[in-house]
């Protein structure tokens, strides 16, 4: 028997096969990472939309809990541009005696705080809320419309559902909630 006889059957993988397998593995991992980044962006956009909807509904509930005669007080198109002054009577303590007008002023201040994200801070900076948020409230008799506008992260068609609320932009997003208050 020949000690140096060559084996006709090869075993194992060649270097080329290893490189192809490694390339396929890397392409798969890069695809997974790219998908994760897309999911994270979409999740953030969904959270912003959910927050905007919640804020709009919050304002409607604030108006419903007050005297219907104060609806005109809430009508404003520049919520979120600059924070209004702190109301003299905060009406946020149990048993505080507040008139309907004082309650409306406090509601508007509280809503604007939430809209601007001033209620969530870190190191003195606002960390909560929507990006460049604006709020608009209008009414016609007892029909109320609350619009929350914010800036999305990616470009798309301008929301422009209510054109006088928020700056026109290909990143503008809007949530419009309508209700009847009696």
C-alpha atoms as a PDB file:
ATOM      1  CA  UNK A   1       0.000   0.000   0.000  1.00  0.00           C
ATOM      2  CA  UNK A   2       1.275   3.385  -0.989  1.00  0.00           C
ATOM      3  CA  UNK A   3       1.802   5.646   2.000  1.00  0.00           C
ATOM      4  CA  UNK A   4       1.613   8.862  -0.044  1.00  0.00           C
ATOM      5  CA  UNK A   5      -1.428   7.960  -2.037  1.00  0.00           C
ATOM      6  CA  UNK A   6      -3.683  10.932  -2.915  1.00  0.00           C
ATOM      7  CA  UNK A   7      -7.248  10.910  -1.749  1.00  0.00           C
ATOM      8  CA  UNK A   8      -9.683  11.334  -4.604  1.00  0.00           C
ATOM      9  CA  UNK A   9     -12.467  12.605  -2.385  1.00  0.00           C
ATOM     10  CA  UNK A  10     -12.069  16.064  -0.910  1.00  0.00           C
ATOM     11  CA  UNK A  11     -13.350  16.898   2.515  1.00  0.00           C
ATOM     12  CA  UNK A  12     -14.127  20.281   4.080  1.00  0.00           C
ATOM     13  CA  UNK A  13     -14.764  23.612   2.386  1.00  0.00           C
ATOM     14  CA  UNK A  14     -12.619  25.637   0.115  1.00  0.00           C
ATOM     15  CA  UNK A  15     -11.616  29.183   0.902  1.00  0.00           C
ATOM     16  CA  UNK A  16     -14.000  30.508  -1.795  1.00  0.00           C
ATOM     17  CA  UNK A  17     -16.960  28.716  -0.226  1.00  0.00           C
ATOM     18  CA  UNK A  18     -16.092  30.199   3.174  1.00  0.00           C
ATOM     19  CA  UNK A  19     -15.911  33.718   1.675  1.00  0.00           C
ATOM     20  CA  UNK A  20     -19.282  33.300  -0.072  1.00  0.00           C
ATOM     21  CA  UNK A  21     -20.908  32.089   3.152  1.00  0.00           C
ATOM     22  CA  UNK A  22     -19.367  34.975   5.093  1.00  0.00           C
ATOM     23  CA  UNK A  23     -20.553  37.475   2.484  1.00  0.00           C
ATOM     24  CA  UNK A  24     -24.121  36.117   2.674  1.00  0.00           C
ATOM     25  CA  UNK A  25     -24.053  36.278   6.461  1.00  0.00           C
ATOM     26  CA  UNK A  26     -22.856  39.911   6.424  1.00  0.00           C
ATOM     27  CA  UNK A  27     -25.501  40.935   3.860  1.00  0.00           C
ATOM     28  CA  UNK A  28     -28.179  39.344   6.043  1.00  0.00           C
ATOM     29  CA  UNK A  29     -26.938  41.092   9.173  1.00  0.00           C
ATOM     30  CA  UNK A  30     -26.760  44.470   7.414  1.00  0.00           C
ATOM     31  CA  UNK A  31     -30.329  43.964   6.187  1.00  0.00           C
ATOM     32  CA  UNK A  32     -31.486  43.230   9.729  1.00  0.00           C
ATOM     33  CA  UNK A  33     -29.737  46.349  11.063  1.00  0.00           C
ATOM     34  CA  UNK A  34     -31.280  48.521   8.316  1.00  0.00           C
ATOM     35  CA  UNK A  35     -34.715  47.071   9.070  1.00  0.00           C
ATOM     36  CA  UNK A  36     -34.250  47.834  12.774  1.00  0.00           C
ATOM     37  CA  UNK A  37     -33.424  51.479  11.980  1.00  0.00           C
ATOM     38  CA  UNK A  38     -36.549  51.782   9.820  1.00  0.00           C
ATOM     39  CA  UNK A  39     -38.703  50.228  12.528  1.00  0.00           C
ATOM     40  CA  UNK A  40     -37.291  52.654  15.102  1.00  0.00           C
ATOM     41  CA  UNK A  41     -38.134  55.673  12.903  1.00  0.00           C
ATOM     42  CA  UNK A  42     -41.646  54.358  12.265  1.00  0.00           C
ATOM     43  CA  UNK A  43     -42.129  53.696  15.964  1.00  0.00           C
ATOM     44  CA  UNK A  44     -41.115  57.280  16.792  1.00  0.00           C
ATOM     45  CA  UNK A  45     -43.524  58.674  14.172  1.00  0.00           C
ATOM     46  CA  UNK A  46     -46.343  56.513  15.534  1.00  0.00           C
ATOM     47  CA  UNK A  47     -45.594  57.703  19.077  1.00  0.00           C
ATOM     48  CA  UNK A  48     -45.717  61.342  17.901  1.00  0.00           C
ATOM     49  CA  UNK A  49     -49.074  60.749  16.166  1.00  0.00           C
ATOM     50  CA  UNK A  50     -50.460  59.016  19.243  1.00  0.00           C
ATOM     51  CA  UNK A  51     -49.305  61.869  21.491  1.00  0.00           C
ATOM     52  CA  UNK A  52     -50.847  64.467  19.171  1.00  0.00           C
ATOM     53  CA  UNK A  53     -54.172  62.617  19.187  1.00  0.00           C
ATOM     54  CA  UNK A  54     -54.068  62.322  22.965  1.00  0.00           C
ATOM     55  CA  UNK A  55     -53.326  66.045  23.359  1.00  0.00           C
ATOM     56  CA  UNK A  56     -56.205  67.012  21.062  1.00  0.00           C
ATOM     57  CA  UNK A  57     -58.621  64.811  22.995  1.00  0.00           C
ATOM     58  CA  UNK A  58     -57.274  66.227  26.267  1.00  0.00           C
ATOM     59  CA  UNK A  59     -58.162  69.768  25.198  1.00  0.00           C
ATOM     60  CA  UNK A  60     -61.668  68.706  24.197  1.00  0.00           C
ATOM     61  CA  UNK A  61     -62.167  67.064  27.590  1.00  0.00           C
ATOM     62  CA  UNK A  62     -60.921  70.207  29.327  1.00  0.00           C
ATOM     63  CA  UNK A  63     -63.487  72.260  27.411  1.00  0.00           C
ATOM     64  CA  UNK A  64     -66.257  69.756  28.158  1.00  0.00           C
ATOM     65  CA  UNK A  65     -65.534  69.883  31.879  1.00  0.00           C
ATOM     66  CA  UNK A  66     -65.894  73.664  31.936  1.00  0.00           C
ATOM     67  CA  UNK A  67     -68.903  75.915  31.376  1.00  0.00           C
ATOM     68  CA  UNK A  68     -69.992  75.878  27.682  1.00  0.00           C
ATOM     69  CA  UNK A  69     -70.129  79.680  27.808  1.00  0.00           C
ATOM     70  CA  UNK A  70     -66.304  79.708  27.982  1.00  0.00           C
ATOM     71  CA  UNK A  71     -65.767  78.045  24.568  1.00  0.00           C
ATOM     72  CA  UNK A  72     -64.786  81.357  22.981  1.00  0.00           C
ATOM     73  CA  UNK A  73     -62.026  81.738  25.597  1.00  0.00           C
ATOM     74  CA  UNK A  74     -60.294  78.584  24.340  1.00  0.00           C
ATOM     75  CA  UNK A  75     -60.307  79.664  20.661  1.00  0.00           C
ATOM     76  CA  UNK A  76     -56.726  80.442  19.709  1.00  0.00           C
ATOM     77  CA  UNK A  77     -54.378  79.593  16.823  1.00  0.00           C
ATOM     78  CA  UNK A  78     -50.984  80.046  18.446  1.00  0.00           C
ATOM     79  CA  UNK A  79     -50.760  77.452  21.205  1.00  0.00           C
ATOM     80  CA  UNK A  80     -47.147  76.352  21.447  1.00  0.00           C
ATOM     81  CA  UNK A  81     -45.577  79.450  19.872  1.00  0.00           C
ATOM     82  CA  UNK A  82     -44.590  80.867  23.259  1.00  0.00           C
ATOM     83  CA  UNK A  83     -45.639  79.691  26.693  1.00  0.00           C
ATOM     84  CA  UNK A  84     -48.236  81.980  28.228  1.00  0.00           C
ATOM     85  CA  UNK A  85     -47.678  83.480  31.664  1.00  0.00           C
ATOM     86  CA  UNK A  86     -48.524  81.315  34.638  1.00  0.00           C
ATOM     87  CA  UNK A  87     -52.127  82.022  35.642  1.00  0.00           C
ATOM     88  CA  UNK A  88     -52.597  83.920  38.895  1.00  0.00           C
ATOM     89  CA  UNK A  89     -55.015  81.259  40.159  1.00  0.00           C
ATOM     90  CA  UNK A  90     -53.702  77.834  39.127  1.00  0.00           C
ATOM     91  CA  UNK A  91     -56.945  75.985  39.911  1.00  0.00           C
ATOM     92  CA  UNK A  92     -54.942  72.782  40.331  1.00  0.00           C
ATOM     93  CA  UNK A  93     -55.453  72.291  44.042  1.00  0.00           C
ATOM     94  CA  UNK A  94     -58.407  70.367  45.369  1.00  0.00           C
ATOM     95  CA  UNK A  95     -61.009  72.739  46.751  1.00  0.00           C
ATOM     96  CA  UNK A  96     -59.590  75.812  44.983  1.00  0.00           C
ATOM     97  CA  UNK A  97     -62.347  78.305  44.251  1.00  0.00           C
ATOM     98  CA  UNK A  98     -62.081  79.137  40.545  1.00  0.00           C
ATOM     99  CA  UNK A  99     -64.474  80.796  38.174  1.00  0.00           C
ATOM    100  CA  UNK A 100     -65.125  79.234  34.762  1.00  0.00           C
ATOM    101  CA  UNK A 101     -62.906  81.888  33.149  1.00  0.00           C
ATOM    102  CA  UNK A 102     -60.056  81.163  35.587  1.00  0.00           C
ATOM    103  CA  UNK A 103     -60.439  77.446  34.909  1.00  0.00           C
ATOM    104  CA  UNK A 104     -60.261  78.099  31.155  1.00  0.00           C
ATOM    105  CA  UNK A 105     -57.085  80.163  31.583  1.00  0.00           C
ATOM    106  CA  UNK A 106     -55.537  77.392  33.675  1.00  0.00           C
ATOM    107  CA  UNK A 107     -56.639  74.711  31.174  1.00  0.00           C
ATOM    108  CA  UNK A 108     -55.036  76.633  28.311  1.00  0.00           C
ATOM    109  CA  UNK A 109     -51.781  77.020  30.249  1.00  0.00           C
ATOM    110  CA  UNK A 110     -51.682  73.329  31.236  1.00  0.00           C
ATOM    111  CA  UNK A 111     -52.453  72.209  27.677  1.00  0.00           C
ATOM    112  CA  UNK A 112     -49.759  74.433  26.241  1.00  0.00           C
ATOM    113  CA  UNK A 113     -47.246  73.027  28.748  1.00  0.00           C
ATOM    114  CA  UNK A 114     -48.066  69.494  27.586  1.00  0.00           C
ATOM    115  CA  UNK A 115     -48.055  70.528  23.923  1.00  0.00           C
ATOM    116  CA  UNK A 116     -44.567  72.038  24.221  1.00  0.00           C
ATOM    117  CA  UNK A 117     -43.238  69.128  26.261  1.00  0.00           C
ATOM    118  CA  UNK A 118     -42.388  71.386  29.193  1.00  0.00           C
ATOM    119  CA  UNK A 119     -43.794  68.854  31.640  1.00  0.00           C
ATOM    120  CA  UNK A 120     -40.944  66.393  30.858  1.00  0.00           C
ATOM    121  CA  UNK A 121     -37.475  67.851  31.422  1.00  0.00           C
ATOM    122  CA  UNK A 122     -33.916  66.615  31.773  1.00  0.00           C
ATOM    123  CA  UNK A 123     -31.140  68.954  32.856  1.00  0.00           C
ATOM    124  CA  UNK A 124     -33.423  71.958  32.394  1.00  0.00           C
ATOM    125  CA  UNK A 125     -34.190  71.091  28.752  1.00  0.00           C
ATOM    126  CA  UNK A 126     -37.619  70.035  27.508  1.00  0.00           C
ATOM    127  CA  UNK A 127     -37.516  66.381  26.490  1.00  0.00           C
ATOM    128  CA  UNK A 128     -41.162  65.472  26.039  1.00  0.00           C
ATOM    129  CA  UNK A 129     -43.811  66.582  23.657  1.00  0.00           C
ATOM    130  CA  UNK A 130     -43.949  66.913  19.929  1.00  0.00           C
ATOM    131  CA  UNK A 131     -41.342  68.415  17.615  1.00  0.00           C
ATOM    132  CA  UNK A 132     -42.239  72.084  16.899  1.00  0.00           C
ATOM    133  CA  UNK A 133     -45.789  71.533  18.140  1.00  0.00           C
ATOM    134  CA  UNK A 134     -48.575  74.019  17.511  1.00  0.00           C
ATOM    135  CA  UNK A 135     -52.168  73.836  18.653  1.00  0.00           C
ATOM    136  CA  UNK A 136     -55.238  75.531  17.256  1.00  0.00           C
ATOM    137  CA  UNK A 137     -58.721  75.592  18.723  1.00  0.00           C
ATOM    138  CA  UNK A 138     -61.744  76.970  16.927  1.00  0.00           C
ATOM    139  CA  UNK A 139     -65.462  76.751  17.495  1.00  0.00           C
ATOM    140  CA  UNK A 140     -68.708  77.502  15.741  1.00  0.00           C
ATOM    141  CA  UNK A 141     -71.568  77.594  18.237  1.00  0.00           C
ATOM    142  CA  UNK A 142     -71.027  74.314  20.127  1.00  0.00           C
ATOM    143  CA  UNK A 143     -69.008  72.565  17.404  1.00  0.00           C
ATOM    144  CA  UNK A 144     -65.323  72.524  18.359  1.00  0.00           C
ATOM    145  CA  UNK A 145     -62.266  71.718  16.275  1.00  0.00           C
ATOM    146  CA  UNK A 146     -58.875  71.050  17.880  1.00  0.00           C
ATOM    147  CA  UNK A 147     -55.844  70.776  15.598  1.00  0.00           C
ATOM    148  CA  UNK A 148     -52.423  69.629  16.732  1.00  0.00           C
ATOM    149  CA  UNK A 149     -49.579  70.204  14.262  1.00  0.00           C
ATOM    150  CA  UNK A 150     -46.013  69.003  14.584  1.00  0.00           C
ATOM    151  CA  UNK A 151     -42.922  68.446  12.487  1.00  0.00           C
ATOM    152  CA  UNK A 152     -42.264  64.904  11.286  1.00  0.00           C
ATOM    153  CA  UNK A 153     -38.773  63.507  10.808  1.00  0.00           C
ATOM    154  CA  UNK A 154     -39.112  62.658   7.125  1.00  0.00           C
ATOM    155  CA  UNK A 155     -40.430  64.588   4.147  1.00  0.00           C
ATOM    156  CA  UNK A 156     -43.822  63.768   2.706  1.00  0.00           C
ATOM    157  CA  UNK A 157     -46.799  65.683   1.360  1.00  0.00           C
ATOM    158  CA  UNK A 158     -47.760  68.640   3.581  1.00  0.00           C
ATOM    159  CA  UNK A 159     -50.641  67.578   5.845  1.00  0.00           C
ATOM    160  CA  UNK A 160     -52.399  70.928   5.301  1.00  0.00           C
ATOM    161  CA  UNK A 161     -55.725  69.666   6.658  1.00  0.00           C
ATOM    162  CA  UNK A 162     -56.085  72.993   8.439  1.00  0.00           C
ATOM    163  CA  UNK A 163     -53.775  75.416   6.657  1.00  0.00           C
ATOM    164  CA  UNK A 164     -53.721  78.178   9.293  1.00  0.00           C
ATOM    165  CA  UNK A 165     -52.304  75.884  11.996  1.00  0.00           C
ATOM    166  CA  UNK A 166     -48.544  75.424  11.938  1.00  0.00           C
ATOM    167  CA  UNK A 167     -46.004  76.416   9.313  1.00  0.00           C
ATOM    168  CA  UNK A 168     -46.434  74.972   5.833  1.00  0.00           C
ATOM    169  CA  UNK A 169     -43.790  72.322   5.248  1.00  0.00           C
ATOM    170  CA  UNK A 170     -43.279  68.942   3.621  1.00  0.00           C
ATOM    171  CA  UNK A 171     -42.695  67.651   7.175  1.00  0.00           C
ATOM    172  CA  UNK A 172     -45.894  69.073   8.705  1.00  0.00           C
ATOM    173  CA  UNK A 173     -48.182  66.506  10.310  1.00  0.00           C
ATOM    174  CA  UNK A 174     -51.612  67.225  11.736  1.00  0.00           C
ATOM    175  CA  UNK A 175     -54.265  65.579  13.845  1.00  0.00           C
ATOM    176  CA  UNK A 176     -57.718  67.147  13.657  1.00  0.00           C
ATOM    177  CA  UNK A 177     -60.355  66.233  16.238  1.00  0.00           C
ATOM    178  CA  UNK A 178     -63.880  67.613  16.073  1.00  0.00           C
ATOM    179  CA  UNK A 179     -66.483  67.420  18.795  1.00  0.00           C
ATOM    180  CA  UNK A 180     -69.784  68.874  19.863  1.00  0.00           C
ATOM    181  CA  UNK A 181     -69.900  70.391  23.367  1.00  0.00           C
ATOM    182  CA  UNK A 182     -73.183  71.221  25.042  1.00  0.00           C
END
